[in-house]
N, C-alpha and C. Protein backbone atom coordinates (compact mmCIF):
# COMPACT_ATOMS: atom_id res chain seq x y z
N MET A 1 65.63 -60.27 -20.73
CA MET A 1 65.53 -59.79 -22.10
C MET A 1 66.37 -60.93 -22.85
N ASP A 2 65.18 -61.42 -24.24
CA ASP A 2 65.77 -62.57 -24.95
C ASP A 2 65.83 -62.66 -26.33
N GLY A 3 65.34 -60.96 -26.84
CA GLY A 3 65.79 -60.33 -28.00
C GLY A 3 64.91 -60.77 -29.06
N LYS A 4 63.62 -61.44 -28.59
CA LYS A 4 62.26 -61.88 -29.66
C LYS A 4 61.84 -61.25 -30.11
N LYS A 5 61.69 -59.15 -29.08
CA LYS A 5 60.72 -58.38 -29.40
C LYS A 5 61.69 -57.11 -29.72
N ARG A 6 61.44 -56.59 -30.93
CA ARG A 6 61.75 -55.41 -32.18
C ARG A 6 61.89 -54.83 -30.43
N ALA A 7 61.16 -53.67 -30.19
CA ALA A 7 60.78 -53.07 -29.42
C ALA A 7 62.02 -52.66 -28.29
N ASP A 8 62.49 -54.20 -27.82
CA ASP A 8 63.14 -53.99 -27.31
C ASP A 8 64.55 -53.64 -27.34
N ILE A 9 65.02 -54.07 -28.33
CA ILE A 9 66.52 -53.43 -28.88
C ILE A 9 66.03 -51.91 -30.09
N LYS A 10 67.48 -51.87 -28.95
CA LYS A 10 67.76 -49.69 -29.74
C LYS A 10 69.16 -50.50 -30.29
N SER A 11 69.68 -48.81 -31.31
CA SER A 11 70.47 -49.11 -31.62
C SER A 11 71.92 -48.14 -31.09
N GLY A 12 73.36 -48.75 -29.58
CA GLY A 12 73.41 -48.44 -28.81
C GLY A 12 73.58 -49.42 -27.92
N LEU A 13 73.02 -50.29 -27.70
CA LEU A 13 72.29 -51.60 -26.65
C LEU A 13 73.60 -52.43 -26.66
N ARG A 14 74.24 -53.02 -25.92
CA ARG A 14 74.55 -54.09 -25.61
C ARG A 14 74.07 -55.28 -25.68
N VAL A 15 74.85 -56.39 -26.49
CA VAL A 15 73.67 -57.34 -26.42
C VAL A 15 74.85 -58.71 -26.66
N SER A 16 74.06 -59.82 -26.66
CA SER A 16 74.57 -61.07 -27.30
C SER A 16 73.96 -61.61 -28.39
N ILE A 17 75.23 -62.45 -29.47
CA ILE A 17 73.95 -62.24 -30.82
C ILE A 17 74.14 -64.18 -30.94
N ILE A 18 73.47 -64.57 -31.95
CA ILE A 18 74.48 -65.80 -32.43
C ILE A 18 74.50 -66.08 -33.72
N LEU A 19 75.52 -66.71 -35.01
CA LEU A 19 75.74 -65.62 -35.82
C LEU A 19 75.38 -67.11 -36.87
N LYS A 20 75.34 -67.57 -37.86
CA LYS A 20 74.97 -68.22 -39.22
C LYS A 20 75.86 -69.26 -38.54
N GLN A 21 77.54 -69.10 -38.48
CA GLN A 21 78.10 -70.41 -38.95
C GLN A 21 77.84 -71.20 -36.82
N ASP A 22 77.86 -70.27 -36.32
CA ASP A 22 77.70 -71.11 -35.16
C ASP A 22 76.14 -70.79 -34.16
N GLN A 23 74.88 -71.45 -34.89
CA GLN A 23 74.15 -71.84 -35.26
C GLN A 23 74.27 -73.42 -34.25
N ARG A 24 74.85 -74.13 -34.70
CA ARG A 24 75.05 -75.44 -34.43
C ARG A 24 76.05 -75.76 -33.09
N SER A 25 77.19 -74.75 -32.57
CA SER A 25 77.62 -75.51 -32.00
C SER A 25 76.87 -74.07 -30.31
N GLY A 26 76.35 -72.67 -30.65
CA GLY A 26 75.35 -72.18 -30.06
C GLY A 26 76.43 -70.92 -28.95
N LYS A 27 77.38 -70.42 -29.97
CA LYS A 27 78.59 -69.91 -29.34
C LYS A 27 78.06 -68.27 -29.91
N LEU A 28 77.52 -67.62 -28.41
CA LEU A 28 77.67 -66.32 -28.58
C LEU A 28 78.62 -65.68 -28.38
N THR A 29 78.31 -64.18 -29.35
CA THR A 29 79.72 -63.26 -29.60
C THR A 29 78.18 -61.79 -29.26
N GLN A 30 79.05 -60.60 -28.32
CA GLN A 30 78.89 -59.92 -27.88
C GLN A 30 78.95 -58.78 -28.94
N GLY A 31 78.40 -57.42 -28.15
CA GLY A 31 78.50 -56.03 -29.48
C GLY A 31 77.53 -55.07 -28.91
N VAL A 32 78.37 -54.47 -29.87
CA VAL A 32 77.03 -52.93 -29.58
C VAL A 32 76.10 -52.92 -31.03
N VAL A 33 74.88 -53.47 -30.35
CA VAL A 33 73.74 -52.56 -31.57
C VAL A 33 74.23 -51.61 -32.65
N LYS A 34 74.38 -51.48 -34.14
CA LYS A 34 74.13 -50.60 -35.21
C LYS A 34 73.20 -50.41 -35.81
N ASP A 35 72.90 -51.53 -36.21
CA ASP A 35 71.58 -51.39 -37.60
C ASP A 35 70.48 -52.60 -37.31
N ILE A 36 69.19 -52.21 -36.78
CA ILE A 36 68.32 -53.43 -36.26
C ILE A 36 68.06 -53.90 -37.78
N LEU A 37 67.42 -55.21 -38.78
CA LEU A 37 67.74 -55.85 -40.40
C LEU A 37 66.77 -56.48 -40.01
N THR A 38 65.81 -56.95 -39.10
CA THR A 38 64.26 -57.57 -39.09
C THR A 38 63.59 -55.83 -39.01
N ASN A 39 62.48 -56.29 -40.56
CA ASN A 39 61.56 -55.95 -39.90
C ASN A 39 59.82 -55.55 -39.29
N SER A 40 59.75 -57.21 -39.42
CA SER A 40 58.47 -57.25 -38.26
C SER A 40 58.66 -57.18 -36.40
N ALA A 41 57.65 -57.47 -35.52
CA ALA A 41 57.06 -56.13 -34.81
C ALA A 41 58.04 -58.10 -33.51
N THR A 42 58.39 -58.86 -34.27
CA THR A 42 58.59 -59.95 -33.36
C THR A 42 59.44 -60.78 -33.89
N HIS A 43 60.39 -61.94 -33.71
CA HIS A 43 61.13 -62.78 -34.40
C HIS A 43 61.11 -64.08 -33.57
N PRO A 44 61.19 -65.48 -34.17
CA PRO A 44 60.47 -66.73 -32.84
C PRO A 44 62.13 -67.00 -32.55
N HIS A 45 63.03 -67.00 -33.11
CA HIS A 45 64.86 -67.09 -33.28
C HIS A 45 65.65 -65.94 -32.60
N GLY A 46 64.78 -64.91 -32.75
CA GLY A 46 65.50 -63.56 -32.09
C GLY A 46 65.67 -62.50 -33.62
N ILE A 47 65.29 -61.24 -32.83
CA ILE A 47 65.90 -59.75 -34.28
C ILE A 47 67.36 -60.30 -34.46
N LYS A 48 67.52 -59.85 -35.71
CA LYS A 48 68.26 -60.21 -36.53
C LYS A 48 69.35 -58.39 -36.63
N VAL A 49 70.06 -58.16 -35.99
CA VAL A 49 71.37 -57.14 -36.08
C VAL A 49 72.61 -56.96 -36.70
N ARG A 50 72.83 -55.89 -37.23
CA ARG A 50 74.45 -55.62 -37.64
C ARG A 50 75.03 -54.73 -36.16
N LEU A 51 75.88 -55.84 -35.71
CA LEU A 51 76.70 -55.27 -34.40
C LEU A 51 77.40 -53.68 -35.07
N THR A 52 78.67 -52.68 -34.92
CA THR A 52 79.46 -51.65 -34.78
C THR A 52 80.74 -52.36 -35.59
N ASP A 53 80.97 -53.75 -34.75
CA ASP A 53 82.22 -54.40 -36.03
C ASP A 53 82.10 -54.74 -37.33
N GLY A 54 80.31 -55.18 -37.59
CA GLY A 54 79.91 -56.07 -39.25
C GLY A 54 79.29 -56.19 -39.11
N GLN A 55 79.70 -57.22 -37.79
CA GLN A 55 78.96 -58.84 -37.84
C GLN A 55 77.28 -58.41 -37.81
N VAL A 56 77.10 -59.72 -38.03
CA VAL A 56 75.29 -60.28 -38.64
C VAL A 56 75.04 -61.17 -37.73
N GLY A 57 73.93 -61.27 -36.68
CA GLY A 57 73.27 -62.13 -35.76
C GLY A 57 72.75 -61.91 -35.52
N ARG A 58 71.40 -62.96 -34.98
CA ARG A 58 70.23 -62.65 -34.54
C ARG A 58 70.63 -62.63 -32.52
N VAL A 59 69.87 -61.92 -31.96
CA VAL A 59 69.91 -61.40 -30.54
C VAL A 59 69.66 -62.54 -29.87
N LYS A 60 70.55 -63.22 -28.58
CA LYS A 60 70.03 -64.04 -27.67
C LYS A 60 69.87 -64.03 -26.37
N GLU A 61 70.63 -62.47 -26.09
CA GLU A 61 69.99 -62.16 -24.46
C GLU A 61 70.83 -60.23 -25.01
N ILE A 62 70.03 -59.25 -23.84
CA ILE A 62 70.31 -58.62 -23.93
C ILE A 62 70.89 -58.15 -22.47
N HIS A 63 72.14 -56.80 -22.69
CA HIS A 63 72.92 -56.77 -21.70
C HIS A 63 71.89 -55.35 -21.18
N SER A 64 72.03 -54.75 -19.62
CA SER A 64 71.61 -53.86 -19.19
C SER A 64 73.68 -52.91 -19.35
């Protein structure tokens, strides 16, 4: 799953996100979802989330 659908993402899920400052390099950061920040059902660049450590970024990968 690529993280573009809000329905696929739940609090407590392990994900890889891309932080704003890493968008050019494409560096991914892994963590656990705390809050979902995007209100719309889908987003072409990934749903924006806040991780448990406070970092905010867009979901690129969902880990099972």
